[in-house]
N, C-alpha and C. Protein backbone atom coordinates (compact mmCIF):
# COMPACT_ATOMS: atom_id res chain seq x y z
N UNK A 1 127.43 120.46 88.74
CA UNK A 1 126.01 120.15 88.93
C UNK A 1 125.24 121.38 89.38
N UNK A 2 125.92 122.38 89.91
CA UNK A 2 125.22 123.55 90.41
C UNK A 2 124.51 124.33 89.32
N UNK A 3 125.03 124.30 88.12
CA UNK A 3 124.46 125.10 87.03
C UNK A 3 123.81 124.24 85.96
N UNK A 4 122.99 123.31 86.35
CA UNK A 4 122.33 122.46 85.37
C UNK A 4 121.11 123.17 84.77
N UNK A 5 120.85 122.87 83.51
CA UNK A 5 119.68 123.40 82.83
C UNK A 5 118.90 122.22 82.28
N UNK A 6 117.59 122.37 82.22
CA UNK A 6 116.76 121.27 81.76
C UNK A 6 115.51 121.79 81.06
N UNK A 7 114.86 120.91 80.34
CA UNK A 7 113.65 121.25 79.59
C UNK A 7 112.44 121.09 80.51
N UNK A 8 112.15 122.13 81.27
CA UNK A 8 111.05 122.06 82.23
C UNK A 8 109.69 122.03 81.55
N UNK A 9 109.59 122.61 80.36
CA UNK A 9 108.32 122.56 79.62
C UNK A 9 107.96 121.13 79.23
N UNK A 10 108.97 120.34 78.88
CA UNK A 10 108.74 118.93 78.52
C UNK A 10 108.19 118.15 79.70
N UNK A 11 108.67 118.43 80.90
CA UNK A 11 108.18 117.72 82.09
C UNK A 11 106.69 117.97 82.31
N UNK A 12 106.30 119.23 82.29
CA UNK A 12 104.89 119.57 82.52
C UNK A 12 104.02 119.02 81.40
N UNK A 13 104.47 119.16 80.16
CA UNK A 13 103.70 118.66 79.01
C UNK A 13 103.51 117.15 79.09
N UNK A 14 104.57 116.43 79.47
CA UNK A 14 104.50 114.97 79.59
C UNK A 14 103.54 114.57 80.70
N UNK A 15 103.65 115.25 81.85
CA UNK A 15 102.76 114.94 82.97
C UNK A 15 101.30 115.18 82.58
N UNK A 16 101.03 116.29 81.94
CA UNK A 16 99.65 116.60 81.55
C UNK A 16 99.15 115.66 80.46
N UNK A 17 100.02 115.28 79.53
CA UNK A 17 99.64 114.33 78.47
C UNK A 17 99.24 112.98 79.07
N UNK A 18 99.93 112.59 80.14
CA UNK A 18 99.63 111.32 80.80
C UNK A 18 98.49 111.45 81.80
N UNK A 19 97.94 112.67 81.89
CA UNK A 19 96.81 112.95 82.79
C UNK A 19 97.14 112.64 84.25
N UNK A 20 98.34 113.06 84.65
CA UNK A 20 98.80 112.89 86.03
C UNK A 20 98.77 114.26 86.70
N UNK A 21 98.18 114.34 87.86
CA UNK A 21 98.16 115.61 88.57
C UNK A 21 99.50 115.83 89.28
N UNK A 22 99.81 117.09 89.50
CA UNK A 22 101.04 117.42 90.23
C UNK A 22 100.99 116.82 91.63
N UNK A 23 99.83 116.83 92.23
CA UNK A 23 99.68 116.28 93.59
C UNK A 23 99.94 114.78 93.62
N UNK A 24 99.41 114.05 92.65
CA UNK A 24 99.58 112.59 92.67
C UNK A 24 101.03 112.17 92.43
N UNK A 25 101.70 112.82 91.51
CA UNK A 25 103.10 112.45 91.28
C UNK A 25 103.98 112.90 92.43
N UNK A 26 103.62 114.02 93.05
CA UNK A 26 104.36 114.47 94.23
C UNK A 26 104.26 113.43 95.35
N UNK A 27 103.06 112.92 95.55
CA UNK A 27 102.86 111.89 96.57
C UNK A 27 103.68 110.64 96.25
N UNK A 28 103.67 110.23 95.00
CA UNK A 28 104.44 109.05 94.59
C UNK A 28 105.93 109.22 94.83
N UNK A 29 106.41 110.46 94.68
CA UNK A 29 107.85 110.72 94.81
C UNK A 29 108.25 111.23 96.19
N UNK A 30 107.29 111.28 97.11
CA UNK A 30 107.54 111.80 98.46
C UNK A 30 108.03 113.24 98.42
N UNK A 31 107.41 114.02 97.56
CA UNK A 31 107.69 115.44 97.45
C UNK A 31 106.41 116.21 97.72
N UNK A 32 106.53 117.50 97.89
CA UNK A 32 105.36 118.36 98.02
C UNK A 32 104.93 118.79 96.62
N UNK A 33 103.64 119.03 96.46
CA UNK A 33 103.13 119.49 95.16
C UNK A 33 103.85 120.77 94.73
N UNK A 34 104.12 121.65 95.67
CA UNK A 34 104.79 122.91 95.34
C UNK A 34 106.20 122.65 94.80
N UNK A 35 106.83 121.54 95.20
CA UNK A 35 108.15 121.21 94.67
C UNK A 35 108.06 120.74 93.22
N UNK A 36 107.03 119.98 92.90
CA UNK A 36 106.82 119.57 91.50
C UNK A 36 106.59 120.80 90.64
N UNK A 37 105.75 121.69 91.11
CA UNK A 37 105.47 122.91 90.36
C UNK A 37 106.73 123.76 90.23
N UNK A 38 107.54 123.81 91.27
CA UNK A 38 108.80 124.53 91.23
C UNK A 38 109.73 123.96 90.16
N UNK A 39 109.80 122.64 90.06
CA UNK A 39 110.61 121.99 89.03
C UNK A 39 110.07 122.36 87.65
N UNK A 40 108.76 122.32 87.49
CA UNK A 40 108.15 122.63 86.19
C UNK A 40 108.29 124.10 85.81
N UNK A 41 108.56 124.95 86.78
CA UNK A 41 108.74 126.37 86.50
C UNK A 41 110.21 126.78 86.52
N UNK A 42 111.09 125.79 86.64
CA UNK A 42 112.53 126.03 86.68
C UNK A 42 112.92 127.00 87.80
N UNK A 43 112.37 126.76 88.96
CA UNK A 43 112.63 127.60 90.13
C UNK A 43 113.32 126.77 91.20
N UNK A 44 114.14 127.42 92.01
CA UNK A 44 114.78 126.72 93.12
C UNK A 44 113.97 126.88 94.40
N UNK A 45 112.88 127.60 94.31
CA UNK A 45 112.03 127.81 95.47
C UNK A 45 111.55 126.45 95.99
N UNK A 46 111.47 126.31 97.29
CA UNK A 46 111.01 125.11 98.00
C UNK A 46 112.03 123.98 98.03
N UNK A 47 113.25 124.25 97.59
CA UNK A 47 114.34 123.27 97.71
C UNK A 47 115.46 123.91 98.52
N UNK A 48 115.93 123.25 99.57
CA UNK A 48 116.99 123.84 100.39
C UNK A 48 118.34 123.93 99.69
N UNK A 49 118.52 123.15 98.62
CA UNK A 49 119.78 123.22 97.87
C UNK A 49 119.54 122.81 96.42
N UNK A 50 120.45 123.22 95.56
CA UNK A 50 120.36 122.83 94.14
C UNK A 50 120.58 121.32 94.00
N UNK A 51 121.39 120.77 94.86
CA UNK A 51 121.66 119.34 94.82
C UNK A 51 120.39 118.53 95.09
N UNK A 52 119.61 118.97 96.06
CA UNK A 52 118.35 118.29 96.36
C UNK A 52 117.36 118.45 95.21
N UNK A 53 117.34 119.62 94.61
CA UNK A 53 116.46 119.82 93.46
C UNK A 53 116.88 118.91 92.31
N UNK A 54 118.19 118.81 92.08
CA UNK A 54 118.70 117.96 91.00
C UNK A 54 118.31 116.50 91.22
N UNK A 55 118.45 116.03 92.42
CA UNK A 55 118.07 114.65 92.75
C UNK A 55 116.56 114.44 92.55
N UNK A 56 115.76 115.40 92.99
CA UNK A 56 114.31 115.32 92.82
C UNK A 56 113.93 115.37 91.35
N UNK A 57 114.64 116.19 90.60
CA UNK A 57 114.40 116.29 89.15
C UNK A 57 114.63 114.94 88.48
N UNK A 58 115.71 114.26 88.83
CA UNK A 58 115.99 112.96 88.22
C UNK A 58 114.92 111.93 88.59
N UNK A 59 114.43 111.98 89.83
CA UNK A 59 113.33 111.07 90.23
C UNK A 59 112.07 111.38 89.41
N UNK A 60 111.80 112.65 89.22
CA UNK A 60 110.63 113.09 88.47
C UNK A 60 110.72 112.64 87.01
N UNK A 61 111.88 112.80 86.42
CA UNK A 61 112.10 112.37 85.04
C UNK A 61 111.83 110.88 84.90
N UNK A 62 112.37 110.09 85.81
CA UNK A 62 112.16 108.63 85.78
C UNK A 62 110.69 108.27 85.96
N UNK A 63 110.01 108.96 86.86
CA UNK A 63 108.59 108.68 87.12
C UNK A 63 107.73 108.95 85.89
N UNK A 64 108.15 109.90 85.07
CA UNK A 64 107.40 110.22 83.85
C UNK A 64 107.79 109.30 82.69
N UNK A 65 108.78 108.45 82.91
CA UNK A 65 109.20 107.52 81.86
C UNK A 65 110.10 108.16 80.82
N UNK A 66 110.74 109.25 81.19
CA UNK A 66 111.65 109.93 80.28
C UNK A 66 113.09 109.56 80.62
N UNK A 67 114.01 109.94 79.75
CA UNK A 67 115.43 109.70 79.98
C UNK A 67 116.08 111.00 80.44
N UNK A 68 117.01 110.89 81.37
CA UNK A 68 117.73 112.06 81.85
C UNK A 68 118.35 112.86 80.70
N UNK A 69 118.92 112.15 79.74
CA UNK A 69 119.60 112.79 78.62
C UNK A 69 118.64 113.60 77.75
N UNK A 70 117.37 113.23 77.74
CA UNK A 70 116.39 113.93 76.92
C UNK A 70 115.85 115.19 77.60
N UNK A 71 116.07 115.31 78.89
CA UNK A 71 115.51 116.44 79.65
C UNK A 71 116.61 117.38 80.14
N UNK A 72 117.68 116.83 80.68
CA UNK A 72 118.76 117.64 81.24
C UNK A 72 119.81 117.90 80.16
N UNK A 73 120.00 119.18 79.85
CA UNK A 73 120.98 119.55 78.84
C UNK A 73 122.37 119.22 79.36
N UNK A 74 123.21 118.64 78.51
CA UNK A 74 124.59 118.27 78.86
C UNK A 74 124.63 117.34 80.07
N UNK A 75 123.67 116.44 80.16
CA UNK A 75 123.58 115.54 81.32
C UNK A 75 124.88 114.78 81.55
N UNK A 76 125.46 114.24 80.51
CA UNK A 76 126.67 113.42 80.67
C UNK A 76 127.88 114.25 81.11
N UNK A 77 127.81 115.55 80.94
CA UNK A 77 128.91 116.41 81.36
C UNK A 77 128.77 116.86 82.81
N UNK A 78 127.53 116.99 83.30
CA UNK A 78 127.34 117.52 84.64
C UNK A 78 127.09 116.47 85.70
N UNK A 79 126.65 115.27 85.29
CA UNK A 79 126.34 114.23 86.27
C UNK A 79 127.53 113.29 86.37
N UNK A 80 128.16 113.18 87.53
CA UNK A 80 129.38 112.37 87.65
C UNK A 80 129.15 110.87 87.57
N UNK A 81 127.97 110.39 87.90
CA UNK A 81 127.74 108.94 87.96
C UNK A 81 127.93 108.27 86.61
N UNK A 82 127.27 108.73 85.53
CA UNK A 82 127.47 108.03 84.24
C UNK A 82 128.93 108.02 83.81
N UNK A 83 129.68 109.07 84.09
CA UNK A 83 131.08 109.13 83.71
C UNK A 83 131.88 108.08 84.48
N UNK A 84 131.57 107.91 85.76
CA UNK A 84 132.28 106.93 86.59
C UNK A 84 131.98 105.50 86.16
N UNK A 85 130.80 105.28 85.61
CA UNK A 85 130.41 103.94 85.22
C UNK A 85 130.88 103.54 83.82
N UNK A 86 131.36 104.50 83.04
CA UNK A 86 131.82 104.20 81.69
C UNK A 86 133.06 103.32 81.76
N UNK A 87 133.09 102.34 80.87
CA UNK A 87 134.27 101.46 80.79
C UNK A 87 135.36 102.16 80.03
N UNK A 88 136.58 101.92 80.45
CA UNK A 88 137.74 102.51 79.75
C UNK A 88 138.18 101.64 78.62
């Protein structure tokens, strides 16, 4: 999970298409506006750990109505939860 990559341009484009401000979605997600902007710029600035950024990213993706798989490259390989939930 430490080396995850994602389509940060899609996040910003989706937010702007829906006419949502960075401040309003940050408030909805209990994040700071600078953290939303950091996610949209693919920066780790303003996050104490990559794990916290990853968790915030997934909340942001859900809030925009997108799927994790459509934004996070190799999501099923890096996120342990979906793998654990798969039936054998």
